[in-house]
C-alpha atoms as a PDB file:
ATOM      1  CA  MET A   1       5.637  13.929  13.659  1.00  0.00           C
ATOM      2  CA  SER A   2       8.598  16.315  13.168  1.00  0.00           C
ATOM      3  CA  SER A   3       8.479  19.012  15.855  1.00  0.00           C
ATOM      4  CA  GLU A   4      11.087  20.977  13.902  1.00  0.00           C
ATOM      5  CA  GLU A   5       8.880  20.999  10.785  1.00  0.00           C
ATOM      6  CA  PHE A   6       5.823  21.997  12.833  1.00  0.00           C
ATOM      7  CA  GLU A   7       7.664  24.919  14.439  1.00  0.00           C
ATOM      8  CA  LYS A   8       8.948  26.008  11.043  1.00  0.00           C
ATOM      9  CA  LEU A   9       5.389  26.053   9.639  1.00  0.00           C
ATOM     10  CA  HIS A  10       4.192  27.879  12.754  1.00  0.00           C
ATOM     11  CA  GLU A  11       6.757  30.641  12.296  1.00  0.00           C
ATOM     12  CA  MET A  12       5.871  30.939   8.606  1.00  0.00           C
ATOM     13  CA  TYR A  13       2.169  31.301   9.478  1.00  0.00           C
ATOM     14  CA  LYS A  14       2.793  33.973  12.105  1.00  0.00           C
ATOM     15  CA  SER A  15       4.867  35.966   9.638  1.00  0.00           C
ATOM     16  CA  LEU A  16       2.143  35.725   6.975  1.00  0.00           C
ATOM     17  CA  PHE A  17      -0.592  36.631   9.461  1.00  0.00           C
ATOM     18  CA  GLU A  18       1.277  39.745  10.556  1.00  0.00           C
ATOM     19  CA  GLU A  19       1.428  40.790   6.911  1.00  0.00           C
ATOM     20  CA  LEU A  20      -2.263  40.022   6.378  1.00  0.00           C
ATOM     21  CA  LYS A  21      -3.328  42.050   9.415  1.00  0.00           C
ATOM     22  CA  LEU A  22      -2.024  45.251   7.829  1.00  0.00           C
ATOM     23  CA  MET A  23      -3.935  44.845   4.577  1.00  0.00           C
ATOM     24  CA  PRO A  24      -7.479  45.977   5.630  1.00  0.00           C
ATOM     25  CA  ALA A  25      -6.123  49.343   6.802  1.00  0.00           C
ATOM     26  CA  ARG A  26      -4.030  49.704   3.639  1.00  0.00           C
ATOM     27  CA  LEU A  27      -7.095  48.890   1.554  1.00  0.00           C
ATOM     28  CA  LEU A  28      -9.027  51.835   3.058  1.00  0.00           C
ATOM     29  CA  ARG A  29      -6.269  54.250   2.003  1.00  0.00           C
ATOM     30  CA  SER A  30      -5.801  52.800  -1.488  1.00  0.00           C
ATOM     31  CA  HIS A  31      -7.114  53.838  -4.885  1.00  0.00           C
ATOM     32  CA  ALA A  32      -8.987  51.552  -7.283  1.00  0.00           C
ATOM     33  CA  GLU A  33      -5.972  49.947  -8.995  1.00  0.00           C
ATOM     34  CA  GLU A  34      -4.113  49.611  -5.719  1.00  0.00           C
ATOM     35  CA  LYS A  35      -7.176  47.972  -4.203  1.00  0.00           C
ATOM     36  CA  LYS A  36      -7.234  45.336  -6.935  1.00  0.00           C
ATOM     37  CA  SER A  37      -3.566  44.627  -6.357  1.00  0.00           C
ATOM     38  CA  LEU A  38      -4.091  44.451  -2.581  1.00  0.00           C
ATOM     39  CA  LEU A  39      -7.075  42.111  -2.993  1.00  0.00           C
ATOM     40  CA  ARG A  40      -5.019  39.766  -5.184  1.00  0.00           C
ATOM     41  CA  ALA A  41      -2.116  39.882  -2.757  1.00  0.00           C
ATOM     42  CA  PHE A  42      -4.455  39.242   0.184  1.00  0.00           C
ATOM     43  CA  GLU A  43      -6.032  36.218  -1.490  1.00  0.00           C
ATOM     44  CA  GLU A  44      -2.636  34.804  -2.394  1.00  0.00           C
ATOM     45  CA  ARG A  45      -1.272  35.308   1.123  1.00  0.00           C
ATOM     46  CA  LYS A  46      -4.447  33.933   2.662  1.00  0.00           C
ATOM     47  CA  GLY A  47      -4.206  30.865   0.438  1.00  0.00           C
ATOM     48  CA  GLU A  48      -0.606  30.355   1.529  1.00  0.00           C
ATOM     49  CA  ALA A  49      -1.618  30.750   5.169  1.00  0.00           C
ATOM     50  CA  GLU A  50      -4.397  28.153   4.751  1.00  0.00           C
ATOM     51  CA  GLU A  51      -1.935  25.747   3.124  1.00  0.00           C
ATOM     52  CA  ILE A  52       0.462  26.242   6.035  1.00  0.00           C
ATOM     53  CA  LEU A  53      -2.355  25.562   8.512  1.00  0.00           C
ATOM     54  CA  GLN A  54      -3.201  22.390   6.583  1.00  0.00           C
ATOM     55  CA  GLY A  55       0.454  21.375   6.729  1.00  0.00           C
ATOM     56  CA  MET A  56       0.458  21.965  10.491  1.00  0.00           C
ATOM     57  CA  GLU A  57      -2.701  19.862  10.760  1.00  0.00           C
ATOM     58  CA  ASP A  58      -0.995  17.042   8.836  1.00  0.00           C
ATOM     59  CA  GLU A  59       2.051  17.254  11.104  1.00  0.00           C
ATOM     60  CA  LEU A  60      -0.223  16.787  14.129  1.00  0.00           C
ATOM     61  CA  GLN A  61      -1.536  13.409  12.908  1.00  0.00           C
ATOM     62  CA  ASP A  62       1.155  11.382  14.700  1.00  0.00           C
ATOM     63  CA  ALA A  63       1.677  13.797  17.599  1.00  0.00           C
ATOM     64  CA  PRO A  64       1.106  12.748  21.232  1.00  0.00           C
ATOM     65  CA  GLN A  65      -2.446  13.420  22.423  1.00  0.00           C
ATOM     66  CA  SER A  66      -1.247  15.818  25.115  1.00  0.00           C
ATOM     67  CA  PHE A  67       0.289  18.027  22.423  1.00  0.00           C
ATOM     68  CA  LYS A  68      -2.248  17.429  19.655  1.00  0.00           C
ATOM     69  CA  ASN A  69      -5.420  18.706  21.415  1.00  0.00           C
ATOM     70  CA  PRO A  70      -4.156  22.186  22.466  1.00  0.00           C
ATOM     71  CA  MET A  71      -2.484  22.721  19.094  1.00  0.00           C
ATOM     72  CA  ARG A  72      -5.657  21.801  17.203  1.00  0.00           C
ATOM     73  CA  THR A  73      -7.540  24.334  19.319  1.00  0.00           C
ATOM     74  CA  LYS A  74      -4.926  26.925  18.362  1.00  0.00           C
ATOM     75  CA  LEU A  75      -5.293  25.979  14.678  1.00  0.00           C
ATOM     76  CA  ARG A  76      -9.056  26.535  14.854  1.00  0.00           C
ATOM     77  CA  LEU A  77      -8.400  29.974  16.348  1.00  0.00           C
ATOM     78  CA  TYR A  78      -5.975  30.741  13.501  1.00  0.00           C
ATOM     79  CA  GLN A  79      -8.603  29.692  10.952  1.00  0.00           C
ATOM     80  CA  ARG A  80     -11.168  31.909  12.657  1.00  0.00           C
ATOM     81  CA  ASP A  81      -8.714  34.839  12.603  1.00  0.00           C
ATOM     82  CA  LEU A  82      -8.188  34.322   8.869  1.00  0.00           C
ATOM     83  CA  ALA A  83     -11.949  34.349   8.276  1.00  0.00           C
ATOM     84  CA  LYS A  84     -12.259  37.585  10.312  1.00  0.00           C
ATOM     85  CA  LEU A  85      -9.485  39.197   8.284  1.00  0.00           C
ATOM     86  CA  GLN A  86     -11.300  38.245   5.102  1.00  0.00           C
ATOM     87  CA  ARG A  87     -14.478  39.917   6.397  1.00  0.00           C
ATOM     88  CA  ASP A  88     -12.449  42.985   7.366  1.00  0.00           C
ATOM     89  CA  MET A  89     -11.030  43.168   3.857  1.00  0.00           C
ATOM     90  CA  LYS A  90     -14.514  42.972   2.378  1.00  0.00           C
ATOM     91  CA  ASN A  91     -15.797  45.644   4.749  1.00  0.00           C
ATOM     92  CA  SER A  92     -12.830  47.891   3.971  1.00  0.00           C
ATOM     93  CA  ASN A  93     -13.638  47.740   0.260  1.00  0.00           C
ATOM     94  CA  PRO A  94     -16.492  50.075  -0.887  1.00  0.00           C
ATOM     95  CA  GLY A  95     -19.470  47.778  -1.450  1.00  0.00           C
ATOM     96  CA  SER A  96     -20.259  48.571  -5.054  1.00  0.00           C
ATOM     97  CA  ALA A  97     -21.407  45.813  -7.386  1.00  0.00           C
ATOM     98  CA  LYS A  98     -18.244  46.263  -9.395  1.00  0.00           C
ATOM     99  CA  SER A  99     -16.026  45.912  -6.352  1.00  0.00           C
ATOM    100  CA  ASP A 100     -17.948  42.875  -5.169  1.00  0.00           C
ATOM    101  CA  GLY A 101     -17.544  41.334  -8.599  1.00  0.00           C
ATOM    102  CA  VAL A 102     -13.826  41.958  -8.553  1.00  0.00           C
ATOM    103  CA  TYR A 103     -13.535  40.548  -5.052  1.00  0.00           C
ATOM    104  CA  SER A 104     -15.597  37.479  -6.014  1.00  0.00           C
ATOM    105  CA  SER A 105     -13.485  36.924  -9.122  1.00  0.00           C
ATOM    106  CA  GLN A 106     -10.273  37.286  -7.143  1.00  0.00           C
ATOM    107  CA  ASN A 107     -11.636  34.914  -4.517  1.00  0.00           C
ATOM    108  CA  GLN A 108     -12.420  32.292  -7.156  1.00  0.00           C
ATOM    109  CA  GLN A 109      -8.956  32.651  -8.644  1.00  0.00           C
ATOM    110  CA  SER A 110      -7.420  32.321  -5.197  1.00  0.00           C
ATOM    111  CA  THR A 111      -9.468  29.200  -4.496  1.00  0.00           C
ATOM    112  CA  HIS A 112      -8.307  27.708  -7.779  1.00  0.00           C
ATOM    113  CA  LEU A 113      -4.692  28.581  -7.016  1.00  0.00           C
ATOM    114  CA  GLN A 114      -5.054  27.165  -3.541  1.00  0.00           C
ATOM    115  CA  SER A 115      -6.422  23.917  -4.970  1.00  0.00           C
ATOM    116  CA  GLN A 116      -3.505  23.722  -7.395  1.00  0.00           C
ATOM    117  CA  ARG A 117      -1.031  24.395  -4.584  1.00  0.00           C
ATOM    118  CA  ALA A 118      -2.641  21.687  -2.464  1.00  0.00           C
ATOM    119  CA  LEU A 119      -2.331  19.205  -5.340  1.00  0.00           C
ATOM    120  CA  LEU A 120       1.277  20.262  -5.858  1.00  0.00           C
ATOM    121  CA  LEU A 121       2.047  19.852  -2.160  1.00  0.00           C
ATOM    122  CA  GLN A 122       0.375  16.445  -2.175  1.00  0.00           C
ATOM    123  CA  GLY A 123       2.388  15.396  -5.220  1.00  0.00           C
ATOM    124  CA  THR A 124       5.590  16.678  -3.641  1.00  0.00           C
ATOM    125  CA  GLN A 125       4.832  14.794  -0.434  1.00  0.00           C
ATOM    126  CA  SER A 126       4.136  11.606  -2.406  1.00  0.00           C
ATOM    127  CA  LEU A 127       7.398  12.088  -4.306  1.00  0.00           C
ATOM    128  CA  ASN A 128       9.288  12.616  -1.053  1.00  0.00           C
ATOM    129  CA  ASN A 129       7.710   9.484   0.429  1.00  0.00           C
ATOM    130  CA  ALA A 130       8.630   7.491  -2.684  1.00  0.00           C
ATOM    131  CA  SER A 131      12.193   8.838  -2.555  1.00  0.00           C
ATOM    132  CA  GLN A 132      12.506   7.894   1.112  1.00  0.00           C
ATOM    133  CA  SER A 133      11.121   4.429   0.339  1.00  0.00           C
ATOM    134  CA  ILE A 134      13.653   4.013  -2.478  1.00  0.00           C
ATOM    135  CA  GLU A 135      16.467   5.142  -0.182  1.00  0.00           C
ATOM    136  CA  ARG A 136      15.383   2.632   2.469  1.00  0.00           C
ATOM    137  CA  SER A 137      15.236  -0.096  -0.190  1.00  0.00           C
ATOM    138  CA  GLN A 138      18.705   0.848  -1.434  1.00  0.00           C
ATOM    139  CA  ARG A 139      20.102   0.784   2.110  1.00  0.00           C
ATOM    140  CA  LEU A 140      18.467  -2.608   2.707  1.00  0.00           C
ATOM    141  CA  ALA A 141      19.852  -3.932  -0.595  1.00  0.00           C
ATOM    142  CA  ALA A 142      23.335  -2.655   0.305  1.00  0.00           C
ATOM    143  CA  GLU A 143      23.125  -4.254   3.747  1.00  0.00           C
ATOM    144  CA  THR A 144      21.873  -7.517   2.206  1.00  0.00           C
ATOM    145  CA  GLU A 145      24.699  -7.452  -0.335  1.00  0.00           C
ATOM    146  CA  HIS A 146      27.223  -6.841   2.448  1.00  0.00           C
ATOM    147  CA  ILE A 147      25.796  -9.720   4.491  1.00  0.00           C
ATOM    148  CA  GLY A 148      25.830 -11.962   1.408  1.00  0.00           C
ATOM    149  CA  THR A 149      29.471 -11.059   0.720  1.00  0.00           C
ATOM    150  CA  ASP A 150      30.404 -11.860   4.326  1.00  0.00           C
ATOM    151  CA  ILE A 151      28.582 -15.208   4.103  1.00  0.00           C
ATOM    152  CA  ILE A 152      30.344 -16.087   0.836  1.00  0.00           C
ATOM    153  CA  GLU A 153      33.732 -15.194   2.340  1.00  0.00           C
ATOM    154  CA  GLU A 154      32.951 -17.244   5.448  1.00  0.00           C
ATOM    155  CA  LEU A 155      31.858 -20.206   3.311  1.00  0.00           C
ATOM    156  CA  GLY A 156      35.077 -19.871   1.309  1.00  0.00           C
ATOM    157  CA  GLU A 157      37.121 -19.976   4.533  1.00  0.00           C
ATOM    158  CA  GLN A 158      35.157 -22.998   5.740  1.00  0.00           C
ATOM    159  CA  ARG A 159      35.766 -24.735   2.402  1.00  0.00           C
ATOM    160  CA  GLU A 160      39.499 -24.101   2.723  1.00  0.00           C
ATOM    161  CA  GLN A 161      39.410 -25.507   6.253  1.00  0.00           C
ATOM    162  CA  LEU A 162      37.543 -28.586   5.003  1.00  0.00           C
ATOM    163  CA  ASP A 163      40.084 -29.036   2.189  1.00  0.00           C
ATOM    164  CA  ARG A 164      42.937 -28.820   4.683  1.00  0.00           C
ATOM    165  CA  SER A 165      41.188 -31.282   6.986  1.00  0.00           C
ATOM    166  CA  ARG A 166      40.620 -33.679   4.072  1.00  0.00           C
ATOM    167  CA  ASN A 167      44.255 -33.408   3.069  1.00  0.00           C
ATOM    168  CA  ARG A 168      45.309 -34.121   6.647  1.00  0.00           C
ATOM    169  CA  LEU A 169      42.986 -37.152   6.707  1.00  0.00           C
ATOM    170  CA  VAL A 170      44.444 -38.388   3.415  1.00  0.00           C
ATOM    171  CA  ASN A 171      47.967 -37.977   4.780  1.00  0.00           C
ATOM    172  CA  THR A 172      46.953 -39.698   8.011  1.00  0.00           C
ATOM    173  CA  GLY A 173      45.463 -42.597   5.994  1.00  0.00           C
ATOM    174  CA  GLU A 174      48.640 -42.906   3.955  1.00  0.00           C
ATOM    175  CA  ASN A 175      50.723 -42.854   7.153  1.00  0.00           C
ATOM    176  CA  LEU A 176      48.498 -45.527   8.658  1.00  0.00           C
ATOM    177  CA  SER A 177      48.894 -47.676   5.543  1.00  0.00           C
ATOM    178  CA  ARG A 178      52.658 -47.352   5.715  1.00  0.00           C
ATOM    179  CA  SER A 179      52.566 -48.139   9.429  1.00  0.00           C
ATOM    180  CA  ARG A 180      50.491 -51.264   8.794  1.00  0.00           C
ATOM    181  CA  LYS A 181      52.938 -52.381   6.121  1.00  0.00           C
ATOM    182  CA  ILE A 182      55.854 -51.780   8.473  1.00  0.00           C
ATOM    183  CA  LEU A 183      54.082 -53.666  11.258  1.00  0.00           C
ATOM    184  CA  ARG A 184      53.334 -56.619   8.940  1.00  0.00           C
ATOM    185  CA  SER A 185      56.934 -56.632   7.783  1.00  0.00           C
ATOM    186  CA  MET A 186      58.135 -56.535  11.384  1.00  0.00           C
ATOM    187  CA  SER A 187      55.701 -59.304  12.279  1.00  0.00           C
ATOM    188  CA  ARG A 188      56.999 -61.514   9.442  1.00  0.00           C
ATOM    189  CA  ARG A 189      60.580 -60.831  10.479  1.00  0.00           C
ATOM    190  CA  LEU A 190      59.726 -61.658  14.061  1.00  0.00           C
ATOM    191  CA  MET A 191      58.135 -64.946  13.033  1.00  0.00           C
ATOM    192  CA  THR A 192      61.133 -65.733  10.851  1.00  0.00           C
ATOM    193  CA  ASN A 193      63.521 -64.980  13.681  1.00  0.00           C
ATOM    194  CA  LYS A 194      61.462 -67.154  16.026  1.00  0.00           C
ATOM    195  CA  LEU A 195      61.565 -70.033  13.551  1.00  0.00           C
ATOM    196  CA  LEU A 196      65.306 -69.611  13.036  1.00  0.00           C
ATOM    197  CA  LEU A 197      65.820 -69.502  16.797  1.00  0.00           C
ATOM    198  CA  ALA A 198      63.743 -72.666  17.236  1.00  0.00           C
ATOM    199  CA  VAL A 199      65.719 -74.442  14.512  1.00  0.00           C
ATOM    200  CA  ILE A 200      68.993 -73.357  16.098  1.00  0.00           C
ATOM    201  CA  ILE A 201      67.843 -74.538  19.515  1.00  0.00           C
ATOM    202  CA  LEU A 202      66.739 -77.878  18.064  1.00  0.00           C
ATOM    203  CA  MET A 203      70.060 -78.245  16.278  1.00  0.00           C
ATOM    204  CA  GLU A 204      71.963 -77.441  19.466  1.00  0.00           C
ATOM    205  CA  VAL A 205      69.876 -79.940  21.421  1.00  0.00           C
ATOM    206  CA  ALA A 206      70.487 -82.580  18.737  1.00  0.00           C
ATOM    207  CA  ILE A 207      74.221 -81.897  18.766  1.00  0.00           C
ATOM    208  CA  LEU A 208      74.277 -82.004  22.556  1.00  0.00           C
ATOM    209  CA  ALA A 209      72.368 -85.269  22.524  1.00  0.00           C
ATOM    210  CA  ALA A 210      74.784 -86.743  19.978  1.00  0.00           C
ATOM    211  CA  VAL A 211      77.786 -85.658  22.034  1.00  0.00           C
ATOM    212  CA  VAL A 212      76.329 -87.222  25.184  1.00  0.00           C
ATOM    213  CA  TYR A 213      75.484 -90.418  23.350  1.00  0.00           C
ATOM    214  CA  LEU A 214      78.916 -90.719  21.807  1.00  0.00           C
ATOM    215  CA  LYS A 215      80.691 -89.992  25.071  1.00  0.00           C
ATOM    216  CA  PHE A 216      78.770 -92.100  27.495  1.00  0.00           C
ATOM    217  CA  PHE A 217      76.938 -94.799  25.641  1.00  0.00           C
ATOM    218  CA  ARG A 218      79.204 -95.770  22.871  1.00  0.00           C
ATOM    219  CA  ARG A 219      82.145 -97.625  24.325  1.00  0.00           C
END
């Protein structure tokens, strides 16, 4: 319920009712043509007042119970006041058959106009509801699009991170391969050096043995 809309309708009704209250007295002082015009104006204003009361009733549908009950009582009083004004208008009009016929005809026209206004109000309300629904759908679509864009950007950043990580892994693998080659080369060189050192040691031992043999045992 919109309290602002309800108060707006309430003020509109009070203004219309104040105008309607003056019409029975004006009708007594009017001539035949003026009476017809006043009767038409009264029926039109009364129809508008009834539509406003219906709008106030609709606004009360979702109102809190503590507010709804007293306002519905007030609406019933307003409806009763309108009915009393209508009786006053009829009593203020000389009760000839012709006048009654005019009043009845004007009343039927007013009822028809009121029905058309009610249908128009209902159509307008449905259109407003559809417009609000479309606006909500558009906002939801925009939010969804924004979220989707953020997700795509985040996925793009994650892909770049994965590509960088893969490149680092490839570089690390290449570095490891080079390191293994260097280690194998160093291992082969170490083995070669060990063999050369062993051969040199053996040669030195052989030479030393030959020197000892020639010096001490060959005389």
